[in-house]
Amino acid sequence: MLLGDYLYAHGLVRIASQGEVDVVADLAELLSVCAQLRAENRPGDGAAWAATVACLGGSVLLEAARTMLRDGGDASELRELAALEAGADAVERALALHAGRVD
């Protein structure tokens, strides 16, 4: 676990050194949302990952969609954002792979 934390922190430092502060903020928010969902044993982390990766550092809609998931348990906006950016088929494949590894 500590190695994963170290590698994540190292990656954030490298991203931040390129001036990509919005990307760092998106990744930090992603971890926060996923930690909350896991702690509450709620679904939706796959959609949060898909949307964050698809919109990394560039979508003002991402925060509102994450709030819908965090507060209301609704991942549909995140799925739609991811599908708009990466294509519906790619998102469905990614979510299926995610479910197979996490569940």
Protein backbone atom coordinates (compact mmCIF):
# COMPACT_ATOMS: atom_id res chain seq x y z
CA MET A 1 0.00 0.00 0.00
CA LEU A 2 2.80 2.40 0.84
CA LEU A 3 4.42 1.76 -2.53
CA GLY A 4 1.14 2.68 -4.24
CA ASP A 5 0.93 5.88 -2.20
CA TYR A 6 4.52 6.73 -3.06
CA LEU A 7 4.00 6.13 -6.77
CA TYR A 8 0.79 8.17 -6.77
CA ALA A 9 2.51 11.06 -4.96
CA HIS A 10 5.48 10.86 -7.33
CA GLY A 11 3.13 10.99 -10.33
CA LEU A 12 1.33 14.02 -8.91
CA VAL A 13 4.64 15.82 -8.42
CA ARG A 14 5.59 15.14 -12.04
CA ILE A 15 2.20 16.33 -13.32
CA ALA A 16 2.31 19.43 -11.12
CA SER A 17 5.83 20.27 -12.34
CA GLN A 18 4.36 20.56 -15.85
CA GLY A 19 1.91 23.21 -14.61
CA GLU A 20 -1.08 20.87 -14.81
CA VAL A 21 -2.67 21.97 -11.54
CA ASP A 22 -6.20 21.18 -12.76
CA VAL A 23 -5.16 17.60 -13.44
CA VAL A 24 -3.76 17.24 -9.92
CA ALA A 25 -7.00 18.64 -8.49
CA ASP A 26 -9.08 16.22 -10.58
CA LEU A 27 -7.05 13.22 -9.42
CA ALA A 28 -7.23 14.30 -5.77
CA GLU A 29 -10.99 14.74 -6.04
CA LEU A 30 -11.29 11.33 -7.71
CA LEU A 31 -9.52 9.66 -4.79
CA SER A 32 -11.72 11.50 -2.33
CA VAL A 33 -14.93 10.44 -4.07
CA CYS A 34 -13.80 6.82 -4.43
CA ALA A 35 -12.71 6.63 -0.79
CA GLN A 36 -16.10 7.92 0.32
CA LEU A 37 -17.97 5.47 -1.90
CA ARG A 38 -15.87 2.53 -0.68
CA ALA A 39 -16.27 3.57 2.96
CA GLU A 40 -20.05 3.71 2.50
CA ASN A 41 -20.06 0.51 0.39
CA ARG A 42 -21.76 2.33 -2.50
CA PRO A 43 -21.26 1.83 -6.23
CA GLY A 44 -20.19 4.43 -8.77
CA ASP A 45 -16.42 4.49 -8.51
CA GLY A 46 -16.05 3.05 -12.01
CA ALA A 47 -17.99 5.93 -13.51
CA ALA A 48 -15.93 8.38 -11.45
CA TRP A 49 -12.70 6.90 -12.84
CA ALA A 50 -13.99 6.82 -16.42
CA ALA A 51 -15.17 10.41 -16.39
CA THR A 52 -12.07 11.71 -14.64
CA VAL A 53 -9.72 10.02 -17.10
CA ALA A 54 -11.80 11.10 -20.11
CA CYS A 55 -12.08 14.73 -18.96
CA LEU A 56 -8.81 15.08 -17.04
CA GLY A 57 -8.10 18.73 -16.35
CA GLY A 58 -10.60 20.05 -18.84
CA SER A 59 -14.22 19.76 -17.76
CA VAL A 60 -16.00 22.18 -15.47
CA LEU A 61 -18.97 19.79 -15.55
CA LEU A 62 -16.93 17.09 -13.83
CA GLU A 63 -17.26 18.65 -10.36
CA ALA A 64 -21.05 18.89 -10.57
CA ALA A 65 -21.28 15.30 -11.78
CA ARG A 66 -19.03 14.11 -8.93
CA THR A 67 -21.21 15.98 -6.46
CA MET A 68 -24.28 14.17 -7.84
CA LEU A 69 -22.54 10.86 -7.19
CA ARG A 70 -21.19 11.82 -3.78
CA ASP A 71 -24.39 13.35 -2.44
CA GLY A 72 -27.11 11.50 -4.31
CA GLY A 73 -25.54 8.26 -5.46
CA ASP A 74 -26.24 9.09 -9.10
CA ALA A 75 -23.37 8.17 -11.44
CA SER A 76 -25.32 8.81 -14.66
CA GLU A 77 -23.82 12.26 -15.31
CA LEU A 78 -20.30 10.90 -14.91
CA ARG A 79 -21.05 8.07 -17.33
CA GLU A 80 -22.48 10.55 -19.84
CA LEU A 81 -19.44 12.83 -19.59
CA ALA A 82 -17.10 9.90 -20.09
CA ALA A 83 -19.12 8.67 -23.08
CA LEU A 84 -19.11 12.12 -24.68
CA GLU A 85 -15.33 12.34 -24.39
CA ALA A 86 -14.25 8.75 -25.05
CA GLY A 87 -17.23 7.11 -26.76
CA ALA A 88 -19.95 4.95 -25.25
CA ASP A 89 -18.37 1.64 -26.31
CA ALA A 90 -15.02 2.50 -24.76
CA VAL A 91 -16.67 3.54 -21.50
CA GLU A 92 -18.76 0.37 -21.31
CA ARG A 93 -15.66 -1.78 -21.91
CA ALA A 94 -13.73 0.14 -19.26
CA LEU A 95 -16.56 -0.15 -16.74
CA ALA A 96 -16.87 -3.90 -17.38
CA LEU A 97 -13.13 -4.36 -16.82
CA HIS A 98 -13.30 -2.22 -13.70
CA ALA A 99 -16.19 -4.25 -12.29
CA GLY A 100 -14.32 -7.47 -12.95
CA ARG A 101 -11.30 -6.28 -11.01
CA VAL A 102 -13.00 -4.51 -8.14
CA ASP A 103 -15.99 -6.67 -7.34
